[in-house]
Amino acid sequence: MKHLTFNVCAIAGLGFSGLTVLLLLANLISGNAFVDVILPAAVVSLVVGGAFSIRARLLSAKGHGPAKGRGPAKR
């Protein structure tokens, strides 16, 4: 099984957090008509997104994050 990279974890965390916002907006637009389904789904999405964000942070702290200090090549 392939290990998750920093980029995969960061993008997944952002995606799940964005999904949480979209679900809560859908709940607002529907006037709480589907609150029994949307709210638990939003909480699960927020927890999963948080877990991916924490994993990305840990990978960054270990030195497996994005490269720092690498600008454009100088000629």
Protein backbone atom coordinates (compact mmCIF):
# COMPACT_ATOMS: atom_id res chain seq x y z
CA MET A 1 0.00 0.00 0.00
CA LYS A 2 1.35 3.39 -0.97
CA HIS A 3 1.91 5.96 1.78
CA LEU A 4 0.01 9.20 1.63
CA THR A 5 2.13 12.20 0.69
CA PHE A 6 1.92 15.68 2.14
CA ASN A 7 0.16 17.00 -0.97
CA VAL A 8 -2.46 14.24 -0.94
CA CYS A 9 -3.21 14.79 2.75
CA ALA A 10 -3.34 18.58 2.44
CA ILE A 11 -5.66 18.51 -0.58
CA ALA A 12 -7.90 15.85 0.98
CA GLY A 13 -8.13 17.86 4.20
CA LEU A 14 -9.07 20.98 2.28
CA GLY A 15 -11.58 19.04 0.17
CA PHE A 16 -13.36 17.48 3.13
CA SER A 17 -13.45 20.81 4.97
CA GLY A 18 -14.92 22.41 1.86
CA LEU A 19 -17.49 19.63 1.67
CA THR A 20 -18.49 20.46 5.25
CA VAL A 21 -19.14 24.07 4.27
CA LEU A 22 -21.15 23.00 1.21
CA LEU A 23 -23.26 20.62 3.30
CA LEU A 24 -23.99 23.32 5.85
CA LEU A 25 -24.92 25.75 3.09
CA ALA A 26 -27.24 23.12 1.60
CA ASN A 27 -28.80 22.75 5.04
CA LEU A 28 -29.31 26.51 5.24
CA ILE A 29 -30.84 26.70 1.76
CA SER A 30 -33.18 23.78 2.40
CA GLY A 31 -34.46 25.39 5.58
CA ASN A 32 -33.29 22.50 7.81
CA ALA A 33 -35.48 20.07 5.87
CA PHE A 34 -32.75 17.40 5.80
CA VAL A 35 -30.99 18.27 9.06
CA ASP A 36 -31.14 14.64 10.26
CA VAL A 37 -28.97 13.59 7.31
CA ILE A 38 -26.91 16.66 6.47
CA LEU A 39 -25.68 17.54 9.96
CA PRO A 40 -24.15 14.11 10.76
CA ALA A 41 -22.60 14.00 7.28
CA ALA A 42 -21.09 17.45 7.85
CA VAL A 43 -19.65 16.40 11.21
CA VAL A 44 -18.11 13.26 9.71
CA SER A 45 -16.69 15.28 6.83
CA LEU A 46 -15.20 17.80 9.26
CA VAL A 47 -13.59 15.06 11.35
CA VAL A 48 -12.11 13.34 8.29
CA GLY A 49 -10.84 16.66 6.93
CA GLY A 50 -9.29 17.46 10.29
CA ALA A 51 -7.58 14.08 10.42
CA PHE A 52 -6.09 14.61 6.96
CA SER A 53 -4.96 18.11 7.94
CA ILE A 54 -3.27 16.80 11.09
CA ARG A 55 -1.56 14.08 9.05
CA ALA A 56 -0.31 16.70 6.57
CA ARG A 57 1.00 18.80 9.46
CA LEU A 58 2.83 15.80 10.94
CA LEU A 59 4.36 14.98 7.57
CA SER A 60 5.49 18.58 7.22
CA ALA A 61 7.04 18.52 10.70
CA LYS A 62 8.97 15.34 9.82
CA GLY A 63 10.45 17.05 6.79
CA HIS A 64 8.25 15.38 4.18
CA GLY A 65 6.32 18.56 3.43
CA PRO A 66 6.71 20.95 0.53
CA ALA A 67 10.24 22.04 -0.32
CA LYS A 68 11.24 25.34 1.26
CA GLY A 69 13.59 27.89 -0.19
CA ARG A 70 13.57 26.54 -3.70
CA GLY A 71 12.84 29.45 -5.92
CA PRO A 72 13.32 29.71 -9.64
CA ALA A 73 16.72 28.59 -10.88
CA LYS A 74 19.21 31.43 -11.24
CA ARG A 75 21.28 31.69 -14.37
